Amino acid sequence: MEDPTTFSYHVLKALRERIELVEQNILEGSTKDYASYQKLVGELTGLRFCEGEIRDILKKIEVE
């Protein structure tokens, strides 16, 4: 198994790809209704939160 830092960077990459996809869907207006839009915004908020938490943890590990 890979070391935790490498694994974290793979997770960050996957999160970034999903964030970009969700952002693209929102910006293109491809949602069918307001409820779908709200769902995407909620997902985007959660993804960004996770990305930030992982980045913060990685920064702490790098400092140590």
PDB file of N, CA and C in Angstrom:
ATOM      1  N   MET A   1       0.837  -1.184   0.000  1.00  0.00           N
ATOM      2  CA  MET A   1       0.000   0.000   0.000  1.00  0.00           C
ATOM      3  C   MET A   1       0.883   1.249   0.000  1.00  0.00           C
ATOM      4  N   GLU A   2       0.359   2.276  -0.622  1.00  0.00           N
ATOM      5  CA  GLU A   2       1.100   3.525  -0.702  1.00  0.00           C
ATOM      6  C   GLU A   2       1.168   4.190   0.667  1.00  0.00           C
ATOM      7  N   ASP A   3       2.106   5.106   0.797  1.00  0.00           N
ATOM      8  CA  ASP A   3       2.187   5.837   2.050  1.00  0.00           C
ATOM      9  C   ASP A   3       0.985   6.798   2.138  1.00  0.00           C
ATOM     10  N   PRO A   4       0.612   7.220   3.344  1.00  0.00           N
ATOM     11  CA  PRO A   4      -0.570   8.064   3.529  1.00  0.00           C
ATOM     12  C   PRO A   4      -0.524   9.385   2.757  1.00  0.00           C
ATOM     13  N   THR A   5       0.654   9.949   2.610  1.00  0.00           N
ATOM     14  CA  THR A   5       0.754  11.220   1.897  1.00  0.00           C
ATOM     15  C   THR A   5       0.423  11.035   0.423  1.00  0.00           C
ATOM     16  N   THR A   6       0.968  10.001  -0.188  1.00  0.00           N
ATOM     17  CA  THR A   6       0.680   9.720  -1.595  1.00  0.00           C
ATOM     18  C   THR A   6      -0.801   9.435  -1.780  1.00  0.00           C
ATOM     19  N   PHE A   7      -1.368   8.648  -0.882  1.00  0.00           N
ATOM     20  CA  PHE A   7      -2.798   8.349  -0.931  1.00  0.00           C
ATOM     21  C   PHE A   7      -3.604   9.639  -0.852  1.00  0.00           C
ATOM     22  N   SER A   8      -3.209  10.537   0.031  1.00  0.00           N
ATOM     23  CA  SER A   8      -3.923  11.806   0.207  1.00  0.00           C
ATOM     24  C   SER A   8      -3.896  12.624  -1.074  1.00  0.00           C
ATOM     25  N   TYR A   9      -2.769  12.629  -1.752  1.00  0.00           N
ATOM     26  CA  TYR A   9      -2.687  13.387  -3.000  1.00  0.00           C
ATOM     27  C   TYR A   9      -3.575  12.769  -4.087  1.00  0.00           C
ATOM     28  N   HIS A  10      -3.729  11.464  -4.086  1.00  0.00           N
ATOM     29  CA  HIS A  10      -4.646  10.818  -5.028  1.00  0.00           C
ATOM     30  C   HIS A  10      -6.092  11.199  -4.715  1.00  0.00           C
ATOM     31  N   VAL A  11      -6.428  11.238  -3.438  1.00  0.00           N
ATOM     32  CA  VAL A  11      -7.772  11.648  -3.025  1.00  0.00           C
ATOM     33  C   VAL A  11      -8.007  13.104  -3.420  1.00  0.00           C
ATOM     34  N   LEU A  12      -7.025  13.963  -3.192  1.00  0.00           N
ATOM     35  CA  LEU A  12      -7.158  15.371  -3.575  1.00  0.00           C
ATOM     36  C   LEU A  12      -7.378  15.518  -5.077  1.00  0.00           C
ATOM     37  N   LYS A  13      -6.695  14.718  -5.856  1.00  0.00           N
ATOM     38  CA  LYS A  13      -6.858  14.775  -7.310  1.00  0.00           C
ATOM     39  C   LYS A  13      -8.283  14.396  -7.696  1.00  0.00           C
ATOM     40  N   ALA A  14      -8.802  13.340  -7.087  1.00  0.00           N
ATOM     41  CA  ALA A  14     -10.165  12.912  -7.375  1.00  0.00           C
ATOM     42  C   ALA A  14     -11.176  13.980  -6.946  1.00  0.00           C
ATOM     43  N   LEU A  15     -10.945  14.583  -5.787  1.00  0.00           N
ATOM     44  CA  LEU A  15     -11.824  15.658  -5.324  1.00  0.00           C
ATOM     45  C   LEU A  15     -11.787  16.833  -6.295  1.00  0.00           C
ATOM     46  N   ARG A  16     -10.595  17.222  -6.720  1.00  0.00           N
ATOM     47  CA  ARG A  16     -10.447  18.351  -7.637  1.00  0.00           C
ATOM     48  C   ARG A  16     -11.183  18.079  -8.942  1.00  0.00           C
ATOM     49  N   GLU A  17     -11.088  16.859  -9.464  1.00  0.00           N
ATOM     50  CA  GLU A  17     -11.778  16.515 -10.708  1.00  0.00           C
ATOM     51  C   GLU A  17     -13.288  16.622 -10.540  1.00  0.00           C
ATOM     52  N   ARG A  18     -13.802  16.135  -9.415  1.00  0.00           N
ATOM     53  CA  ARG A  18     -15.247  16.205  -9.169  1.00  0.00           C
ATOM     54  C   ARG A  18     -15.680  17.655  -8.963  1.00  0.00           C
ATOM     55  N   ILE A  19     -14.877  18.444  -8.262  1.00  0.00           N
ATOM     56  CA  ILE A  19     -15.192  19.857  -8.065  1.00  0.00           C
ATOM     57  C   ILE A  19     -15.310  20.558  -9.415  1.00  0.00           C
ATOM     58  N   GLU A  20     -14.370  20.311 -10.297  1.00  0.00           N
ATOM     59  CA  GLU A  20     -14.387  20.940 -11.611  1.00  0.00           C
ATOM     60  C   GLU A  20     -15.616  20.525 -12.409  1.00  0.00           C
ATOM     61  N   LEU A  21     -16.002  19.257 -12.320  1.00  0.00           N
ATOM     62  CA  LEU A  21     -17.179  18.769 -13.025  1.00  0.00           C
ATOM     63  C   LEU A  21     -18.452  19.433 -12.492  1.00  0.00           C
ATOM     64  N   VAL A  22     -18.580  19.511 -11.174  1.00  0.00           N
ATOM     65  CA  VAL A  22     -19.757  20.132 -10.565  1.00  0.00           C
ATOM     66  C   VAL A  22     -19.798  21.619 -10.908  1.00  0.00           C
ATOM     67  N   GLU A  23     -18.663  22.292 -10.818  1.00  0.00           N
ATOM     68  CA  GLU A  23     -18.611  23.711 -11.175  1.00  0.00           C
ATOM     69  C   GLU A  23     -19.031  23.926 -12.626  1.00  0.00           C
ATOM     70  N   GLN A  24     -18.569  23.055 -13.494  1.00  0.00           N
ATOM     71  CA  GLN A  24     -18.919  23.154 -14.904  1.00  0.00           C
ATOM     72  C   GLN A  24     -20.429  22.999 -15.096  1.00  0.00           C
ATOM     73  N   ASN A  25     -21.021  22.035 -14.406  1.00  0.00           N
ATOM     74  CA  ASN A  25     -22.468  21.827 -14.512  1.00  0.00           C
ATOM     75  C   ASN A  25     -23.241  23.046 -14.017  1.00  0.00           C
ATOM     76  N   ILE A  26     -22.781  23.645 -12.937  1.00  0.00           N
ATOM     77  CA  ILE A  26     -23.450  24.834 -12.402  1.00  0.00           C
ATOM     78  C   ILE A  26     -23.311  26.000 -13.369  1.00  0.00           C
ATOM     79  N   LEU A  27     -22.085  26.233 -13.856  1.00  0.00           N
ATOM     80  CA  LEU A  27     -21.832  27.378 -14.736  1.00  0.00           C
ATOM     81  C   LEU A  27     -22.553  27.262 -16.076  1.00  0.00           C
ATOM     82  N   GLU A  28     -22.705  26.044 -16.568  1.00  0.00           N
ATOM     83  CA  GLU A  28     -23.385  25.842 -17.844  1.00  0.00           C
ATOM     84  C   GLU A  28     -24.897  25.913 -17.704  1.00  0.00           C
ATOM     85  N   GLY A  29     -25.368  25.924 -16.466  1.00  0.00           N
ATOM     86  CA  GLY A  29     -26.811  25.965 -16.248  1.00  0.00           C
ATOM     87  C   GLY A  29     -27.504  24.684 -16.653  1.00  0.00           C
ATOM     88  N   SER A  30     -26.813  23.576 -16.501  1.00  0.00           N
ATOM     89  CA  SER A  30     -27.373  22.298 -16.949  1.00  0.00           C
ATOM     90  C   SER A  30     -28.310  21.652 -15.935  1.00  0.00           C
ATOM     91  N   THR A  31     -28.597  22.360 -14.852  1.00  0.00           N
ATOM     92  CA  THR A  31     -29.539  21.806 -13.874  1.00  0.00           C
ATOM     93  C   THR A  31     -30.955  21.995 -14.384  1.00  0.00           C
ATOM     94  N   LYS A  32     -31.797  21.000 -14.112  1.00  0.00           N
ATOM     95  CA  LYS A  32     -33.159  21.044 -14.652  1.00  0.00           C
ATOM     96  C   LYS A  32     -34.096  21.912 -13.824  1.00  0.00           C
ATOM     97  N   ASP A  33     -33.773  22.080 -12.537  1.00  0.00           N
ATOM     98  CA  ASP A  33     -34.611  22.906 -11.677  1.00  0.00           C
ATOM     99  C   ASP A  33     -33.795  23.419 -10.493  1.00  0.00           C
ATOM    100  N   TYR A  34     -34.439  24.224  -9.660  1.00  0.00           N
ATOM    101  CA  TYR A  34     -33.746  24.841  -8.534  1.00  0.00           C
ATOM    102  C   TYR A  34     -33.276  23.800  -7.521  1.00  0.00           C
ATOM    103  N   ALA A  35     -34.043  22.746  -7.336  1.00  0.00           N
ATOM    104  CA  ALA A  35     -33.647  21.689  -6.400  1.00  0.00           C
ATOM    105  C   ALA A  35     -32.360  21.011  -6.859  1.00  0.00           C
ATOM    106  N   SER A  36     -32.219  20.779  -8.148  1.00  0.00           N
ATOM    107  CA  SER A  36     -30.989  20.184  -8.689  1.00  0.00           C
ATOM    108  C   SER A  36     -29.815  21.129  -8.511  1.00  0.00           C
ATOM    109  N   TYR A  37     -30.058  22.403  -8.723  1.00  0.00           N
ATOM    110  CA  TYR A  37     -29.027  23.416  -8.521  1.00  0.00           C
ATOM    111  C   TYR A  37     -28.567  23.416  -7.064  1.00  0.00           C
ATOM    112  N   GLN A  38     -29.526  23.398  -6.133  1.00  0.00           N
ATOM    113  CA  GLN A  38     -29.189  23.380  -4.709  1.00  0.00           C
ATOM    114  C   GLN A  38     -28.378  22.140  -4.349  1.00  0.00           C
ATOM    115  N   LYS A  39     -28.741  21.012  -4.928  1.00  0.00           N
ATOM    116  CA  LYS A  39     -28.010  19.767  -4.668  1.00  0.00           C
ATOM    117  C   LYS A  39     -26.555  19.899  -5.115  1.00  0.00           C
ATOM    118  N   LEU A  40     -26.340  20.454  -6.299  1.00  0.00           N
ATOM    119  CA  LEU A  40     -24.981  20.626  -6.800  1.00  0.00           C
ATOM    120  C   LEU A  40     -24.189  21.604  -5.940  1.00  0.00           C
ATOM    121  N   VAL A  41     -24.823  22.682  -5.534  1.00  0.00           N
ATOM    122  CA  VAL A  41     -24.139  23.650  -4.680  1.00  0.00           C
ATOM    123  C   VAL A  41     -23.776  23.007  -3.344  1.00  0.00           C
ATOM    124  N   GLY A  42     -24.674  22.201  -2.799  1.00  0.00           N
ATOM    125  CA  GLY A  42     -24.376  21.488  -1.558  1.00  0.00           C
ATOM    126  C   GLY A  42     -23.229  20.514  -1.722  1.00  0.00           C
ATOM    127  N   GLU A  43     -23.230  19.791  -2.823  1.00  0.00           N
ATOM    128  CA  GLU A  43     -22.137  18.853  -3.094  1.00  0.00           C
ATOM    129  C   GLU A  43     -20.819  19.608  -3.231  1.00  0.00           C
ATOM    130  N   LEU A  44     -20.848  20.721  -3.947  1.00  0.00           N
ATOM    131  CA  LEU A  44     -19.649  21.521  -4.143  1.00  0.00           C
ATOM    132  C   LEU A  44     -19.115  22.031  -2.810  1.00  0.00           C
ATOM    133  N   THR A  45     -19.995  22.466  -1.952  1.00  0.00           N
ATOM    134  CA  THR A  45     -19.598  22.945  -0.629  1.00  0.00           C
ATOM    135  C   THR A  45     -18.911  21.826   0.157  1.00  0.00           C
ATOM    136  N   GLY A  46     -19.494  20.648   0.136  1.00  0.00           N
ATOM    137  CA  GLY A  46     -18.912  19.505   0.839  1.00  0.00           C
ATOM    138  C   GLY A  46     -17.571  19.091   0.269  1.00  0.00           C
ATOM    139  N   LEU A  47     -17.466  19.072  -1.050  1.00  0.00           N
ATOM    140  CA  LEU A  47     -16.203  18.705  -1.692  1.00  0.00           C
ATOM    141  C   LEU A  47     -15.096  19.696  -1.351  1.00  0.00           C
ATOM    142  N   ARG A  48     -15.430  20.985  -1.389  1.00  0.00           N
ATOM    143  CA  ARG A  48     -14.438  22.004  -1.060  1.00  0.00           C
ATOM    144  C   ARG A  48     -14.012  21.917   0.407  1.00  0.00           C
ATOM    145  N   PHE A  49     -14.964  21.607   1.275  1.00  0.00           N
ATOM    146  CA  PHE A  49     -14.634  21.441   2.693  1.00  0.00           C
ATOM    147  C   PHE A  49     -13.654  20.279   2.862  1.00  0.00           C
ATOM    148  N   CYS A  50     -13.948  19.145   2.242  1.00  0.00           N
ATOM    149  CA  CYS A  50     -13.062  17.978   2.335  1.00  0.00           C
ATOM    150  C   CYS A  50     -11.682  18.288   1.776  1.00  0.00           C
ATOM    151  N   GLU A  51     -11.650  18.959   0.643  1.00  0.00           N
ATOM    152  CA  GLU A  51     -10.371  19.325   0.042  1.00  0.00           C
ATOM    153  C   GLU A  51      -9.556  20.195   1.006  1.00  0.00           C
ATOM    154  N   GLY A  52     -10.193  21.157   1.611  1.00  0.00           N
ATOM    155  CA  GLY A  52      -9.507  22.027   2.547  1.00  0.00           C
ATOM    156  C   GLY A  52      -8.984  21.286   3.761  1.00  0.00           C
ATOM    157  N   GLU A  53      -9.785  20.385   4.293  1.00  0.00           N
ATOM    158  CA  GLU A  53      -9.360  19.612   5.464  1.00  0.00           C
ATOM    159  C   GLU A  53      -8.150  18.742   5.145  1.00  0.00           C
ATOM    160  N   ILE A  54      -8.177  18.095   3.997  1.00  0.00           N
ATOM    161  CA  ILE A  54      -7.046  17.233   3.609  1.00  0.00           C
ATOM    162  C   ILE A  54      -5.800  18.081   3.401  1.00  0.00           C
ATOM    163  N   ARG A  55      -5.943  19.224   2.753  1.00  0.00           N
ATOM    164  CA  ARG A  55      -4.788  20.109   2.533  1.00  0.00           C
ATOM    165  C   ARG A  55      -4.210  20.595   3.861  1.00  0.00           C
ATOM    166  N   ASP A  56      -5.080  20.943   4.809  1.00  0.00           N
ATOM    167  CA  ASP A  56      -4.615  21.382   6.128  1.00  0.00           C
ATOM    168  C   ASP A  56      -3.836  20.274   6.837  1.00  0.00           C
ATOM    169  N   ILE A  57      -4.344  19.062   6.767  1.00  0.00           N
ATOM    170  CA  ILE A  57      -3.658  17.931   7.396  1.00  0.00           C
ATOM    171  C   ILE A  57      -2.305  17.694   6.743  1.00  0.00           C
ATOM    172  N   LEU A  58      -2.257  17.760   5.412  1.00  0.00           N
ATOM    173  CA  LEU A  58      -0.993  17.558   4.720  1.00  0.00           C
ATOM    174  C   LEU A  58       0.027  18.635   5.079  1.00  0.00           C
ATOM    175  N   LYS A  59      -0.430  19.876   5.240  1.00  0.00           N
ATOM    176  CA  LYS A  59       0.475  20.960   5.625  1.00  0.00           C
ATOM    177  C   LYS A  59       1.052  20.693   7.015  1.00  0.00           C
ATOM    178  N   LYS A  60       0.218  20.215   7.939  1.00  0.00           N
ATOM    179  CA  LYS A  60       0.679  19.903   9.287  1.00  0.00           C
ATOM    180  C   LYS A  60       1.710  18.784   9.260  1.00  0.00           C
ATOM    181  N   ILE A  61       1.474  17.788   8.423  1.00  0.00           N
ATOM    182  CA  ILE A  61       2.404  16.665   8.315  1.00  0.00           C
ATOM    183  C   ILE A  61       3.737  17.145   7.737  1.00  0.00           C
ATOM    184  N   GLU A  62       3.680  18.008   6.733  1.00  0.00           N
ATOM    185  CA  GLU A  62       4.901  18.507   6.108  1.00  0.00           C
ATOM    186  C   GLU A  62       5.725  19.365   7.070  1.00  0.00           C
ATOM    187  N   VAL A  63       5.050  20.108   7.946  1.00  0.00           N
ATOM    188  CA  VAL A  63       5.752  20.953   8.918  1.00  0.00           C
ATOM    189  C   VAL A  63       6.467  20.089   9.941  1.00  0.00           C
ATOM    190  N   GLU A  64       5.839  19.006  10.330  1.00  0.00           N
ATOM    191  CA  GLU A  64       6.446  18.101  11.317  1.00  0.00           C
ATOM    192  C   GLU A  64       7.566  17.364  10.655  1.00  0.00           C
TER     193      GLU A  64
END
